[in-house]
Amino acid sequence: MQALRTLAAATLLFGAIAPDVAAGGRNPGSLLLYPVHRSGSGFFTIVCVTNTNTQPQNPVSFGGSTSVHFDYFNVTPNPANPFQPLNCTDFDRHEFLTPADTLCVLTTCHNAVNPQGQEGYVVVRAENPALFSSSWTFNFLVGSEIVINASGAIYSLNAIPFFGLTGTGNPTDVNGNGRADFDNVEYQAVPEQLIVDSYVALVESQLAIVNLTGGPRDLNTLFFSIWNDNEFPLSATLVFNCWFDQPLKNVSPAFDENFLRGLAANDPNELDITCDGLGDLETGWALIDSIGVQLGQSGITFATDGAILGSITAGGESLLGAGHLLWESLATQTNGSVGP
């Protein structure tokens, strides 16, 4: 009964859901994270954000209007290591949404211009229209993106929403650090683990992951718990900074078709696409967990557990048009943030 009363109170206060539930639901929020963008140089990304507050404006009130702050986090590729970009810079824009307004932008036009193109991720925060660059709780934003890669493959992703937790119309930057903190005080926490619910190795999907703990050059170590189609356990580790979007088989051979087919513990009947009773393609699933963040190349521990979010994408060259958000654990952590 006490749990029901707590949930009811949280619903009244925050509008839809208890604040300690991980981000990634289908409810409007005050901050939206888009796990991937590709801008220019043969790529095409449309980012859309919608204000679901329909309260009309009047001469003395903004009504259901809000400002929104776009942060484009653009990475500088590292030819020596695609998982550790040389830099991750923030380019921002401010827009205004009237009640029931939808804004869609082509990131090539809206983001900073670079002849070689840009890639990374996007964050959109609700801001008080009366105070420039002052984020506020306004749990009415929804959004999605459409990405077309260089091969013409098209996929769509929902934005990942975060609830503002300071009460409607109140500033979210409680600690005054200029960042959006996913600490269950300013915004809801991030999930402890991400889940790749299934993958088909031959399809060669890509994995996009955003680091939300530390700075753009700080190194986050990921631990992958992987199971093949016969529940055989495998594992892998990967060190990255800021953001990456790379083929799963580059993350670990455990995601590669030939490697999985050569395992003795393989189910010969899984994924029969010719209907002859014999399996044709290798599949599996995985848990992703951060096991620590260090300050750049120093070896000094910044955090023993990092915050991450991500998605499956079609990558930059794939002919397959498919993408989806990763599943998320109910367990959460509170050391994630985004900002300049």
C-alpha atoms as a PDB file:
ATOM      1  CA  MET A   1       0.000   0.000   0.000  1.00  0.00           C
ATOM      2  CA  GLN A   2       2.829   2.409   0.848  1.00  0.00           C
ATOM      3  CA  ALA A   3       4.377   1.713  -2.592  1.00  0.00           C
ATOM      4  CA  LEU A   4       1.068   2.583  -4.258  1.00  0.00           C
ATOM      5  CA  ARG A   5       0.812   5.841  -2.292  1.00  0.00           C
ATOM      6  CA  THR A   6       4.396   6.735  -3.255  1.00  0.00           C
ATOM      7  CA  LEU A   7       3.701   6.050  -6.934  1.00  0.00           C
ATOM      8  CA  ALA A   8       0.474   8.068  -6.806  1.00  0.00           C
ATOM      9  CA  ALA A   9       2.256  11.019  -5.186  1.00  0.00           C
ATOM     10  CA  ALA A  10       5.045  10.880  -7.759  1.00  0.00           C
ATOM     11  CA  THR A  11       2.487  10.760 -10.557  1.00  0.00           C
ATOM     12  CA  LEU A  12       0.784  13.897  -9.265  1.00  0.00           C
ATOM     13  CA  LEU A  13       4.101  15.708  -8.885  1.00  0.00           C
ATOM     14  CA  PHE A  14       5.842  14.679 -12.092  1.00  0.00           C
ATOM     15  CA  GLY A  15       2.874  14.046 -14.386  1.00  0.00           C
ATOM     16  CA  ALA A  16       3.307  10.448 -15.476  1.00  0.00           C
ATOM     17  CA  ILE A  17       5.788   8.212 -13.686  1.00  0.00           C
ATOM     18  CA  ALA A  18       7.872   7.792 -10.554  1.00  0.00           C
ATOM     19  CA  PRO A  19      11.155   9.751 -10.842  1.00  0.00           C
ATOM     20  CA  ASP A  20      13.400   6.750 -10.113  1.00  0.00           C
ATOM     21  CA  VAL A  21      12.291   4.852 -13.234  1.00  0.00           C
ATOM     22  CA  ALA A  22      14.929   4.818 -15.966  1.00  0.00           C
ATOM     23  CA  ALA A  23      14.659   7.096 -18.976  1.00  0.00           C
ATOM     24  CA  GLY A  24      13.471   5.611 -22.253  1.00  0.00           C
ATOM     25  CA  GLY A  25       9.700   5.420 -21.751  1.00  0.00           C
ATOM     26  CA  ARG A  26       7.111   6.836 -24.132  1.00  0.00           C
ATOM     27  CA  ASN A  27       6.217   9.831 -21.965  1.00  0.00           C
ATOM     28  CA  PRO A  28       7.016  13.500 -22.704  1.00  0.00           C
ATOM     29  CA  GLY A  29       9.993  14.981 -20.890  1.00  0.00           C
ATOM     30  CA  SER A  30      11.969  18.176 -20.327  1.00  0.00           C
ATOM     31  CA  LEU A  31      15.125  16.883 -22.058  1.00  0.00           C
ATOM     32  CA  LEU A  32      15.465  14.684 -25.145  1.00  0.00           C
ATOM     33  CA  LEU A  33      18.608  12.812 -26.179  1.00  0.00           C
ATOM     34  CA  TYR A  34      18.997  11.688 -29.815  1.00  0.00           C
ATOM     35  CA  PRO A  35      21.706   8.973 -29.885  1.00  0.00           C
ATOM     36  CA  VAL A  36      22.979   9.667 -33.427  1.00  0.00           C
ATOM     37  CA  HIS A  37      23.267  12.458 -35.933  1.00  0.00           C
ATOM     38  CA  ARG A  38      25.100  12.629 -39.237  1.00  0.00           C
ATOM     39  CA  SER A  39      25.276  16.004 -40.916  1.00  0.00           C
ATOM     40  CA  GLY A  40      26.511  16.765 -44.423  1.00  0.00           C
ATOM     41  CA  SER A  41      28.976  14.918 -46.660  1.00  0.00           C
ATOM     42  CA  GLY A  42      26.380  12.552 -48.104  1.00  0.00           C
ATOM     43  CA  PHE A  43      24.440  12.076 -44.862  1.00  0.00           C
ATOM     44  CA  PHE A  44      20.972  13.316 -44.034  1.00  0.00           C
ATOM     45  CA  THR A  45      19.438  13.621 -40.554  1.00  0.00           C
ATOM     46  CA  ILE A  46      16.137  15.270 -39.633  1.00  0.00           C
ATOM     47  CA  VAL A  47      15.632  15.955 -35.915  1.00  0.00           C
ATOM     48  CA  CYS A  48      12.087  16.751 -34.779  1.00  0.00           C
ATOM     49  CA  VAL A  49      10.848  18.027 -31.414  1.00  0.00           C
ATOM     50  CA  THR A  50       7.196  18.643 -30.515  1.00  0.00           C
ATOM     51  CA  ASN A  51       5.651  20.683 -27.707  1.00  0.00           C
ATOM     52  CA  THR A  52       2.585  18.739 -26.533  1.00  0.00           C
ATOM     53  CA  ASN A  53       1.410  21.554 -24.224  1.00  0.00           C
ATOM     54  CA  THR A  54      -1.652  23.093 -25.889  1.00  0.00           C
ATOM     55  CA  GLN A  55      -2.365  25.862 -23.359  1.00  0.00           C
ATOM     56  CA  PRO A  56      -2.857  29.044 -25.463  1.00  0.00           C
ATOM     57  CA  GLN A  57      -0.652  32.108 -25.144  1.00  0.00           C
ATOM     58  CA  ASN A  58      -2.202  35.439 -24.154  1.00  0.00           C
ATOM     59  CA  PRO A  59      -0.946  39.038 -23.917  1.00  0.00           C
ATOM     60  CA  VAL A  60       0.417  38.521 -20.389  1.00  0.00           C
ATOM     61  CA  SER A  61       1.474  34.857 -20.438  1.00  0.00           C
ATOM     62  CA  PHE A  62       3.524  32.482 -22.582  1.00  0.00           C
ATOM     63  CA  GLY A  63       0.866  29.867 -21.884  1.00  0.00           C
ATOM     64  CA  GLY A  64       2.146  26.487 -23.066  1.00  0.00           C
ATOM     65  CA  SER A  65       5.160  27.901 -24.923  1.00  0.00           C
ATOM     66  CA  THR A  66       8.778  27.006 -24.223  1.00  0.00           C
ATOM     67  CA  SER A  67      12.212  27.737 -25.561  1.00  0.00           C
ATOM     68  CA  VAL A  68      14.391  24.776 -26.513  1.00  0.00           C
ATOM     69  CA  HIS A  69      18.182  24.559 -26.471  1.00  0.00           C
ATOM     70  CA  PHE A  70      19.813  22.298 -29.102  1.00  0.00           C
ATOM     71  CA  ASP A  71      23.270  20.941 -28.244  1.00  0.00           C
ATOM     72  CA  TYR A  72      25.026  19.183 -31.123  1.00  0.00           C
ATOM     73  CA  PHE A  73      27.903  17.104 -29.783  1.00  0.00           C
ATOM     74  CA  ASN A  74      30.216  16.633 -32.771  1.00  0.00           C
ATOM     75  CA  VAL A  75      33.168  14.234 -32.653  1.00  0.00           C
ATOM     76  CA  THR A  76      36.515  14.565 -34.404  1.00  0.00           C
ATOM     77  CA  PRO A  77      37.317  11.098 -35.834  1.00  0.00           C
ATOM     78  CA  ASN A  78      40.455   9.325 -34.726  1.00  0.00           C
ATOM     79  CA  PRO A  79      41.981   7.318 -37.619  1.00  0.00           C
ATOM     80  CA  ALA A  80      43.924   5.202 -35.128  1.00  0.00           C
ATOM     81  CA  ASN A  81      40.915   4.252 -32.962  1.00  0.00           C
ATOM     82  CA  PRO A  82      37.261   4.780 -34.000  1.00  0.00           C
ATOM     83  CA  PHE A  83      36.138   4.261 -30.393  1.00  0.00           C
ATOM     84  CA  GLN A  84      38.212   7.151 -29.054  1.00  0.00           C
ATOM     85  CA  PRO A  85      37.570  10.343 -31.075  1.00  0.00           C
ATOM     86  CA  LEU A  86      40.170  13.084 -30.854  1.00  0.00           C
ATOM     87  CA  ASN A  87      37.651  15.623 -29.599  1.00  0.00           C
ATOM     88  CA  CYS A  88      33.968  16.148 -28.878  1.00  0.00           C
ATOM     89  CA  THR A  89      32.736  19.733 -29.287  1.00  0.00           C
ATOM     90  CA  ASP A  90      29.381  21.316 -28.547  1.00  0.00           C
ATOM     91  CA  PHE A  91      27.564  23.547 -31.063  1.00  0.00           C
ATOM     92  CA  ASP A  92      24.300  25.008 -29.786  1.00  0.00           C
ATOM     93  CA  ARG A  93      21.196  26.809 -31.036  1.00  0.00           C
ATOM     94  CA  HIS A  94      18.121  28.242 -29.308  1.00  0.00           C
ATOM     95  CA  GLU A  95      14.598  27.920 -30.715  1.00  0.00           C
ATOM     96  CA  PHE A  96      11.095  28.860 -29.535  1.00  0.00           C
ATOM     97  CA  LEU A  97       8.093  26.526 -29.565  1.00  0.00           C
ATOM     98  CA  THR A  98       4.572  27.890 -29.283  1.00  0.00           C
ATOM     99  CA  PRO A  99       1.799  25.684 -27.818  1.00  0.00           C
ATOM    100  CA  ALA A 100       1.282  22.494 -29.903  1.00  0.00           C
ATOM    101  CA  ASP A 101       4.275  23.454 -32.070  1.00  0.00           C
ATOM    102  CA  THR A 102       6.457  20.981 -33.996  1.00  0.00           C
ATOM    103  CA  LEU A 103       9.933  21.922 -35.145  1.00  0.00           C
ATOM    104  CA  CYS A 104      11.908  19.732 -37.572  1.00  0.00           C
ATOM    105  CA  VAL A 105      15.428  20.677 -38.659  1.00  0.00           C
ATOM    106  CA  LEU A 106      17.887  19.265 -41.156  1.00  0.00           C
ATOM    107  CA  THR A 107      21.022  18.939 -39.068  1.00  0.00           C
ATOM    108  CA  THR A 108      23.259  19.810 -42.031  1.00  0.00           C
ATOM    109  CA  CYS A 109      21.699  23.291 -41.963  1.00  0.00           C
ATOM    110  CA  HIS A 110      21.118  23.600 -38.225  1.00  0.00           C
ATOM    111  CA  ASN A 111      24.457  22.231 -36.995  1.00  0.00           C
ATOM    112  CA  ALA A 112      27.913  23.784 -37.430  1.00  0.00           C
ATOM    113  CA  VAL A 113      29.203  23.536 -41.009  1.00  0.00           C
ATOM    114  CA  ASN A 114      32.109  21.196 -41.687  1.00  0.00           C
ATOM    115  CA  PRO A 115      33.195  20.272 -45.254  1.00  0.00           C
ATOM    116  CA  GLN A 116      33.926  16.698 -44.123  1.00  0.00           C
ATOM    117  CA  GLY A 117      30.577  16.392 -42.377  1.00  0.00           C
ATOM    118  CA  GLN A 118      29.744  16.003 -38.692  1.00  0.00           C
ATOM    119  CA  GLU A 119      28.553  13.108 -36.560  1.00  0.00           C
ATOM    120  CA  GLY A 120      27.745  12.539 -32.927  1.00  0.00           C
ATOM    121  CA  TYR A 121      24.608  12.959 -30.822  1.00  0.00           C
ATOM    122  CA  VAL A 122      22.059  15.689 -30.015  1.00  0.00           C
ATOM    123  CA  VAL A 123      20.464  16.918 -26.779  1.00  0.00           C
ATOM    124  CA  VAL A 124      17.400  19.198 -26.685  1.00  0.00           C
ATOM    125  CA  ARG A 125      16.468  20.888 -23.383  1.00  0.00           C
ATOM    126  CA  ALA A 126      13.374  22.910 -22.496  1.00  0.00           C
ATOM    127  CA  GLU A 127      14.207  26.444 -21.335  1.00  0.00           C
ATOM    128  CA  ASN A 128      12.287  29.287 -19.760  1.00  0.00           C
ATOM    129  CA  PRO A 129      11.295  31.712 -22.579  1.00  0.00           C
ATOM    130  CA  ALA A 130      11.669  34.656 -20.172  1.00  0.00           C
ATOM    131  CA  LEU A 131      15.247  33.766 -19.143  1.00  0.00           C
ATOM    132  CA  PHE A 132      17.869  33.101 -21.818  1.00  0.00           C
ATOM    133  CA  SER A 133      19.582  29.717 -21.491  1.00  0.00           C
ATOM    134  CA  SER A 134      17.790  28.807 -18.256  1.00  0.00           C
ATOM    135  CA  SER A 135      16.652  25.188 -18.357  1.00  0.00           C
ATOM    136  CA  TRP A 136      13.356  24.452 -16.659  1.00  0.00           C
ATOM    137  CA  THR A 137      10.982  21.600 -15.910  1.00  0.00           C
ATOM    138  CA  PHE A 138       8.559  21.418 -18.807  1.00  0.00           C
ATOM    139  CA  ASN A 139       7.534  17.788 -19.247  1.00  0.00           C
ATOM    140  CA  PHE A 140       5.827  18.212 -22.607  1.00  0.00           C
ATOM    141  CA  LEU A 141       8.593  17.510 -25.150  1.00  0.00           C
ATOM    142  CA  VAL A 142       8.533  14.494 -27.480  1.00  0.00           C
ATOM    143  CA  GLY A 143      10.716  13.857 -30.503  1.00  0.00           C
ATOM    144  CA  SER A 144      12.293  11.528 -33.028  1.00  0.00           C
ATOM    145  CA  GLU A 145      14.839  11.555 -35.824  1.00  0.00           C
ATOM    146  CA  ILE A 146      15.198  10.183 -39.341  1.00  0.00           C
ATOM    147  CA  VAL A 147      18.685   9.227 -40.518  1.00  0.00           C
ATOM    148  CA  ILE A 148      19.674   8.484 -44.120  1.00  0.00           C
ATOM    149  CA  ASN A 149      23.200   7.150 -44.566  1.00  0.00           C
ATOM    150  CA  ALA A 150      25.575   7.359 -47.527  1.00  0.00           C
ATOM    151  CA  SER A 151      24.165   4.133 -48.998  1.00  0.00           C
ATOM    152  CA  GLY A 152      20.606   5.471 -48.920  1.00  0.00           C
ATOM    153  CA  ALA A 153      19.442   3.287 -46.037  1.00  0.00           C
ATOM    154  CA  ILE A 154      16.811   5.024 -43.893  1.00  0.00           C
ATOM    155  CA  TYR A 155      16.000   4.419 -40.254  1.00  0.00           C
ATOM    156  CA  SER A 156      14.091   6.267 -37.563  1.00  0.00           C
ATOM    157  CA  LEU A 157      14.786   6.530 -33.838  1.00  0.00           C
ATOM    158  CA  ASN A 158      12.729   7.926 -30.990  1.00  0.00           C
ATOM    159  CA  ALA A 159      14.469  10.449 -28.779  1.00  0.00           C
ATOM    160  CA  ILE A 160      15.235   9.247 -25.242  1.00  0.00           C
ATOM    161  CA  PRO A 161      13.195  11.443 -22.847  1.00  0.00           C
ATOM    162  CA  PHE A 162      14.164  12.597 -19.362  1.00  0.00           C
ATOM    163  CA  PHE A 163      11.701  14.069 -16.887  1.00  0.00           C
ATOM    164  CA  GLY A 164      12.503  17.343 -15.190  1.00  0.00           C
ATOM    165  CA  LEU A 165      12.017  16.830 -11.449  1.00  0.00           C
ATOM    166  CA  THR A 166      11.940  20.333  -9.965  1.00  0.00           C
ATOM    167  CA  GLY A 167       8.253  21.042 -10.572  1.00  0.00           C
ATOM    168  CA  THR A 168       6.700  22.603 -13.657  1.00  0.00           C
ATOM    169  CA  GLY A 169       8.153  26.028 -14.444  1.00  0.00           C
ATOM    170  CA  ASN A 170      11.057  25.759 -11.991  1.00  0.00           C
ATOM    171  CA  PRO A 171      14.751  25.871 -12.973  1.00  0.00           C
ATOM    172  CA  THR A 172      16.426  22.478 -13.290  1.00  0.00           C
ATOM    173  CA  ASP A 173      20.033  23.553 -12.648  1.00  0.00           C
ATOM    174  CA  VAL A 174      19.740  23.068  -8.899  1.00  0.00           C
ATOM    175  CA  ASN A 175      23.494  22.900  -8.212  1.00  0.00           C
ATOM    176  CA  GLY A 176      24.365  25.769 -10.583  1.00  0.00           C
ATOM    177  CA  ASN A 177      26.987  23.841 -12.574  1.00  0.00           C
ATOM    178  CA  GLY A 178      25.483  24.737 -15.958  1.00  0.00           C
ATOM    179  CA  ARG A 179      24.909  21.081 -16.834  1.00  0.00           C
ATOM    180  CA  ALA A 180      21.853  18.853 -17.013  1.00  0.00           C
ATOM    181  CA  ASP A 181      22.405  16.293 -14.237  1.00  0.00           C
ATOM    182  CA  PHE A 182      20.626  12.934 -14.375  1.00  0.00           C
ATOM    183  CA  ASP A 183      20.699  12.622 -10.598  1.00  0.00           C
ATOM    184  CA  ASN A 184      17.019  12.206  -9.654  1.00  0.00           C
ATOM    185  CA  VAL A 185      17.113  15.834  -8.491  1.00  0.00           C
ATOM    186  CA  GLU A 186      17.343  17.838 -11.717  1.00  0.00           C
ATOM    187  CA  TYR A 187      16.399  15.101 -14.203  1.00  0.00           C
ATOM    188  CA  GLN A 188      15.620  11.429 -13.765  1.00  0.00           C
ATOM    189  CA  ALA A 189      18.511   8.980 -13.532  1.00  0.00           C
ATOM    190  CA  VAL A 190      19.917   6.896 -16.378  1.00  0.00           C
ATOM    191  CA  PRO A 191      19.725   3.084 -16.510  1.00  0.00           C
ATOM    192  CA  GLU A 192      22.450   1.021 -14.856  1.00  0.00           C
ATOM    193  CA  GLN A 193      22.663  -1.377 -17.824  1.00  0.00           C
ATOM    194  CA  LEU A 194      21.712  -1.352 -21.503  1.00  0.00           C
ATOM    195  CA  ILE A 195      20.366  -4.445 -23.242  1.00  0.00           C
ATOM    196  CA  VAL A 196      20.838  -5.578 -26.838  1.00  0.00           C
ATOM    197  CA  ASP A 197      17.693  -7.728 -26.925  1.00  0.00           C
ATOM    198  CA  SER A 198      18.847  -9.681 -29.988  1.00  0.00           C
ATOM    199  CA  TYR A 199      21.092  -9.346 -32.998  1.00  0.00           C
ATOM    200  CA  VAL A 200      21.545 -11.193 -36.295  1.00  0.00           C
ATOM    201  CA  ALA A 201      25.305 -11.368 -36.800  1.00  0.00           C
ATOM    202  CA  LEU A 202      25.253 -11.438 -40.612  1.00  0.00           C
ATOM    203  CA  VAL A 203      23.209  -8.234 -40.772  1.00  0.00           C
ATOM    204  CA  GLU A 204      26.216  -6.319 -39.368  1.00  0.00           C
ATOM    205  CA  SER A 205      24.230  -3.742 -37.435  1.00  0.00           C
ATOM    206  CA  GLN A 206      26.085  -0.985 -35.601  1.00  0.00           C
ATOM    207  CA  LEU A 207      26.097   0.029 -31.957  1.00  0.00           C
ATOM    208  CA  ALA A 208      25.984   3.700 -30.939  1.00  0.00           C
ATOM    209  CA  ILE A 209      26.891   4.566 -27.325  1.00  0.00           C
ATOM    210  CA  VAL A 210      27.011   7.964 -25.582  1.00  0.00           C
ATOM    211  CA  ASN A 211      29.204   8.535 -22.510  1.00  0.00           C
ATOM    212  CA  LEU A 212      27.457  10.691 -19.896  1.00  0.00           C
ATOM    213  CA  THR A 213      30.044  10.545 -17.090  1.00  0.00           C
ATOM    214  CA  GLY A 214      33.055  12.863 -17.066  1.00  0.00           C
ATOM    215  CA  GLY A 215      34.346  15.010 -19.910  1.00  0.00           C
ATOM    216  CA  PRO A 216      34.736  14.459 -23.659  1.00  0.00           C
ATOM    217  CA  ARG A 217      38.237  12.939 -23.342  1.00  0.00           C
ATOM    218  CA  ASP A 218      37.572  10.792 -20.275  1.00  0.00           C
ATOM    219  CA  LEU A 219      37.682   7.043 -20.922  1.00  0.00           C
ATOM    220  CA  ASN A 220      34.692   4.830 -20.141  1.00  0.00           C
ATOM    221  CA  THR A 221      35.262   1.063 -19.969  1.00  0.00           C
ATOM    222  CA  LEU A 222      32.325  -1.070 -21.078  1.00  0.00           C
ATOM    223  CA  PHE A 223      31.793  -4.712 -20.132  1.00  0.00           C
ATOM    224  CA  PHE A 224      29.697  -6.821 -22.506  1.00  0.00           C
ATOM    225  CA  SER A 225      27.998  -9.979 -21.231  1.00  0.00           C
ATOM    226  CA  ILE A 226      27.038 -11.825 -24.414  1.00  0.00           C
ATOM    227  CA  TRP A 227      25.084 -15.033 -25.021  1.00  0.00           C
ATOM    228  CA  ASN A 228      24.856 -16.883 -28.327  1.00  0.00           C
ATOM    229  CA  ASP A 229      21.789 -18.699 -29.681  1.00  0.00           C
ATOM    230  CA  ASN A 230      22.459 -21.670 -27.387  1.00  0.00           C
ATOM    231  CA  GLU A 231      22.822 -19.595 -24.181  1.00  0.00           C
ATOM    232  CA  PHE A 232      26.612 -19.971 -24.271  1.00  0.00           C
ATOM    233  CA  PRO A 233      28.183 -17.091 -22.290  1.00  0.00           C
ATOM    234  CA  LEU A 234      30.807 -14.819 -23.865  1.00  0.00           C
ATOM    235  CA  SER A 235      32.279 -11.501 -22.739  1.00  0.00           C
ATOM    236  CA  ALA A 236      34.188  -8.506 -24.038  1.00  0.00           C
ATOM    237  CA  THR A 237      35.506  -5.148 -22.839  1.00  0.00           C
ATOM    238  CA  LEU A 238      35.806  -1.885 -24.760  1.00  0.00           C
ATOM    239  CA  VAL A 239      37.276   1.501 -23.822  1.00  0.00           C
ATOM    240  CA  PHE A 240      35.769   4.608 -25.448  1.00  0.00           C
ATOM    241  CA  ASN A 241      35.315   8.319 -24.922  1.00  0.00           C
ATOM    242  CA  CYS A 242      32.421  10.649 -25.752  1.00  0.00           C
ATOM    243  CA  TRP A 243      30.551   8.696 -28.465  1.00  0.00           C
ATOM    244  CA  PHE A 244      30.915   6.007 -31.087  1.00  0.00           C
ATOM    245  CA  ASP A 245      28.780   4.324 -33.748  1.00  0.00           C
ATOM    246  CA  GLN A 246      30.596   1.219 -34.967  1.00  0.00           C
ATOM    247  CA  PRO A 247      29.751  -2.253 -36.353  1.00  0.00           C
ATOM    248  CA  LEU A 248      29.020  -4.797 -33.633  1.00  0.00           C
ATOM    249  CA  LYS A 249      31.676  -7.137 -35.041  1.00  0.00           C
ATOM    250  CA  ASN A 250      34.256  -4.364 -34.457  1.00  0.00           C
ATOM    251  CA  VAL A 251      33.126  -4.107 -30.847  1.00  0.00           C
ATOM    252  CA  SER A 252      33.925  -7.815 -30.351  1.00  0.00           C
ATOM    253  CA  PRO A 253      34.350 -10.991 -32.473  1.00  0.00           C
ATOM    254  CA  ALA A 254      31.578 -12.424 -30.298  1.00  0.00           C
ATOM    255  CA  PHE A 255      29.153 -10.511 -32.540  1.00  0.00           C
ATOM    256  CA  ASP A 256      30.640 -11.915 -35.787  1.00  0.00           C
ATOM    257  CA  GLU A 257      28.828 -14.553 -37.882  1.00  0.00           C
ATOM    258  CA  ASN A 258      31.900 -16.711 -38.598  1.00  0.00           C
ATOM    259  CA  PHE A 259      33.041 -16.684 -34.978  1.00  0.00           C
ATOM    260  CA  LEU A 260      29.610 -17.677 -33.675  1.00  0.00           C
ATOM    261  CA  ARG A 261      29.172 -20.402 -36.293  1.00  0.00           C
ATOM    262  CA  GLY A 262      32.499 -21.951 -35.252  1.00  0.00           C
ATOM    263  CA  LEU A 263      31.509 -22.307 -31.594  1.00  0.00           C
ATOM    264  CA  ALA A 264      30.934 -25.870 -30.453  1.00  0.00           C
ATOM    265  CA  ALA A 265      28.071 -24.653 -28.224  1.00  0.00           C
ATOM    266  CA  ASN A 266      25.909 -23.597 -31.150  1.00  0.00           C
ATOM    267  CA  ASP A 267      22.218 -24.339 -31.720  1.00  0.00           C
ATOM    268  CA  PRO A 268      21.939 -25.725 -35.265  1.00  0.00           C
ATOM    269  CA  ASN A 269      18.195 -25.103 -35.378  1.00  0.00           C
ATOM    270  CA  GLU A 270      18.138 -21.359 -34.639  1.00  0.00           C
ATOM    271  CA  LEU A 271      16.845 -18.843 -37.229  1.00  0.00           C
ATOM    272  CA  ASP A 272      15.856 -21.154 -40.058  1.00  0.00           C
ATOM    273  CA  ILE A 273      15.121 -18.791 -42.971  1.00  0.00           C
ATOM    274  CA  THR A 274      14.763 -21.537 -45.627  1.00  0.00           C
ATOM    275  CA  CYS A 275      12.184 -23.556 -43.629  1.00  0.00           C
ATOM    276  CA  ASP A 276      14.182 -26.782 -44.010  1.00  0.00           C
ATOM    277  CA  GLY A 277      14.602 -27.450 -40.296  1.00  0.00           C
ATOM    278  CA  LEU A 278      18.224 -26.263 -40.200  1.00  0.00           C
ATOM    279  CA  GLY A 279      19.439 -22.975 -38.753  1.00  0.00           C
ATOM    280  CA  ASP A 280      20.896 -20.527 -41.274  1.00  0.00           C
ATOM    281  CA  LEU A 281      21.972 -17.411 -39.345  1.00  0.00           C
ATOM    282  CA  GLU A 282      23.667 -16.817 -36.011  1.00  0.00           C
ATOM    283  CA  THR A 283      21.957 -14.720 -33.333  1.00  0.00           C
ATOM    284  CA  GLY A 284      22.499 -13.674 -29.738  1.00  0.00           C
ATOM    285  CA  TRP A 285      21.888 -10.976 -27.150  1.00  0.00           C
ATOM    286  CA  ALA A 286      23.965  -8.898 -24.734  1.00  0.00           C
ATOM    287  CA  LEU A 287      24.073  -6.773 -21.576  1.00  0.00           C
ATOM    288  CA  ILE A 288      26.219  -3.617 -21.609  1.00  0.00           C
ATOM    289  CA  ASP A 289      27.518  -2.134 -18.365  1.00  0.00           C
ATOM    290  CA  SER A 290      30.077   0.565 -17.631  1.00  0.00           C
ATOM    291  CA  ILE A 291      32.675  -0.631 -15.135  1.00  0.00           C
ATOM    292  CA  GLY A 292      34.579   2.617 -14.667  1.00  0.00           C
ATOM    293  CA  VAL A 293      35.618   5.994 -16.031  1.00  0.00           C
ATOM    294  CA  GLN A 294      39.138   7.402 -15.855  1.00  0.00           C
ATOM    295  CA  LEU A 295      40.400  10.949 -16.378  1.00  0.00           C
ATOM    296  CA  GLY A 296      41.719  10.925 -19.937  1.00  0.00           C
ATOM    297  CA  GLN A 297      44.915   8.906 -20.339  1.00  0.00           C
ATOM    298  CA  SER A 298      45.997   9.566 -16.735  1.00  0.00           C
ATOM    299  CA  GLY A 299      44.907   6.245 -15.290  1.00  0.00           C
ATOM    300  CA  ILE A 300      43.216   8.132 -12.447  1.00  0.00           C
ATOM    301  CA  THR A 301      39.723   6.848 -11.635  1.00  0.00           C
ATOM    302  CA  PHE A 302      36.998   9.451 -12.077  1.00  0.00           C
ATOM    303  CA  ALA A 303      34.078   7.100 -11.351  1.00  0.00           C
ATOM    304  CA  THR A 304      33.775   3.382 -10.674  1.00  0.00           C
ATOM    305  CA  ASP A 305      30.601   3.161 -12.753  1.00  0.00           C
ATOM    306  CA  GLY A 306      29.757   5.333 -15.749  1.00  0.00           C
ATOM    307  CA  ALA A 307      26.430   6.401 -17.253  1.00  0.00           C
ATOM    308  CA  ILE A 308      25.678   5.430 -20.860  1.00  0.00           C
ATOM    309  CA  LEU A 309      22.826   5.489 -23.374  1.00  0.00           C
ATOM    310  CA  GLY A 310      22.612   4.125 -26.894  1.00  0.00           C
ATOM    311  CA  SER A 311      20.941   2.520 -29.883  1.00  0.00           C
ATOM    312  CA  ILE A 312      21.343   0.046 -32.721  1.00  0.00           C
ATOM    313  CA  THR A 313      21.814   1.799 -36.076  1.00  0.00           C
ATOM    314  CA  ALA A 314      22.394   1.058 -39.746  1.00  0.00           C
ATOM    315  CA  GLY A 315      25.704   2.893 -39.559  1.00  0.00           C
ATOM    316  CA  GLY A 316      27.259   5.057 -42.228  1.00  0.00           C
ATOM    317  CA  GLU A 317      27.466   2.643 -45.155  1.00  0.00           C
ATOM    318  CA  SER A 318      25.083  -0.256 -44.455  1.00  0.00           C
ATOM    319  CA  LEU A 319      22.456  -1.096 -47.079  1.00  0.00           C
ATOM    320  CA  LEU A 320      20.064  -2.200 -44.332  1.00  0.00           C
ATOM    321  CA  GLY A 321      17.682   0.474 -43.118  1.00  0.00           C
ATOM    322  CA  ALA A 322      17.066  -0.433 -39.494  1.00  0.00           C
ATOM    323  CA  GLY A 323      17.601   1.046 -36.065  1.00  0.00           C
ATOM    324  CA  HIS A 324      16.129   0.965 -32.573  1.00  0.00           C
ATOM    325  CA  LEU A 325      16.840   2.141 -29.058  1.00  0.00           C
ATOM    326  CA  LEU A 326      18.491  -0.259 -26.658  1.00  0.00           C
ATOM    327  CA  TRP A 327      16.461  -1.703 -23.809  1.00  0.00           C
ATOM    328  CA  GLU A 328      17.254  -0.417 -20.329  1.00  0.00           C
ATOM    329  CA  SER A 329      17.475  -1.940 -16.855  1.00  0.00           C
ATOM    330  CA  LEU A 330      15.128  -0.813 -14.098  1.00  0.00           C
ATOM    331  CA  ALA A 331      18.154  -0.278 -11.867  1.00  0.00           C
ATOM    332  CA  THR A 332      19.504   3.259 -12.273  1.00  0.00           C
ATOM    333  CA  GLN A 333      22.538   5.390 -11.469  1.00  0.00           C
ATOM    334  CA  THR A 334      22.863   9.080 -10.785  1.00  0.00           C
ATOM    335  CA  ASN A 335      26.296  10.226 -12.037  1.00  0.00           C
ATOM    336  CA  GLY A 336      25.356  11.113 -15.615  1.00  0.00           C
ATOM    337  CA  SER A 337      25.146  14.638 -17.056  1.00  0.00           C
ATOM    338  CA  VAL A 338      25.371  16.619 -20.291  1.00  0.00           C
ATOM    339  CA  GLY A 339      26.434  20.173 -20.937  1.00  0.00           C
ATOM    340  CA  PRO A 340      29.153  22.374 -22.334  1.00  0.00           C
END
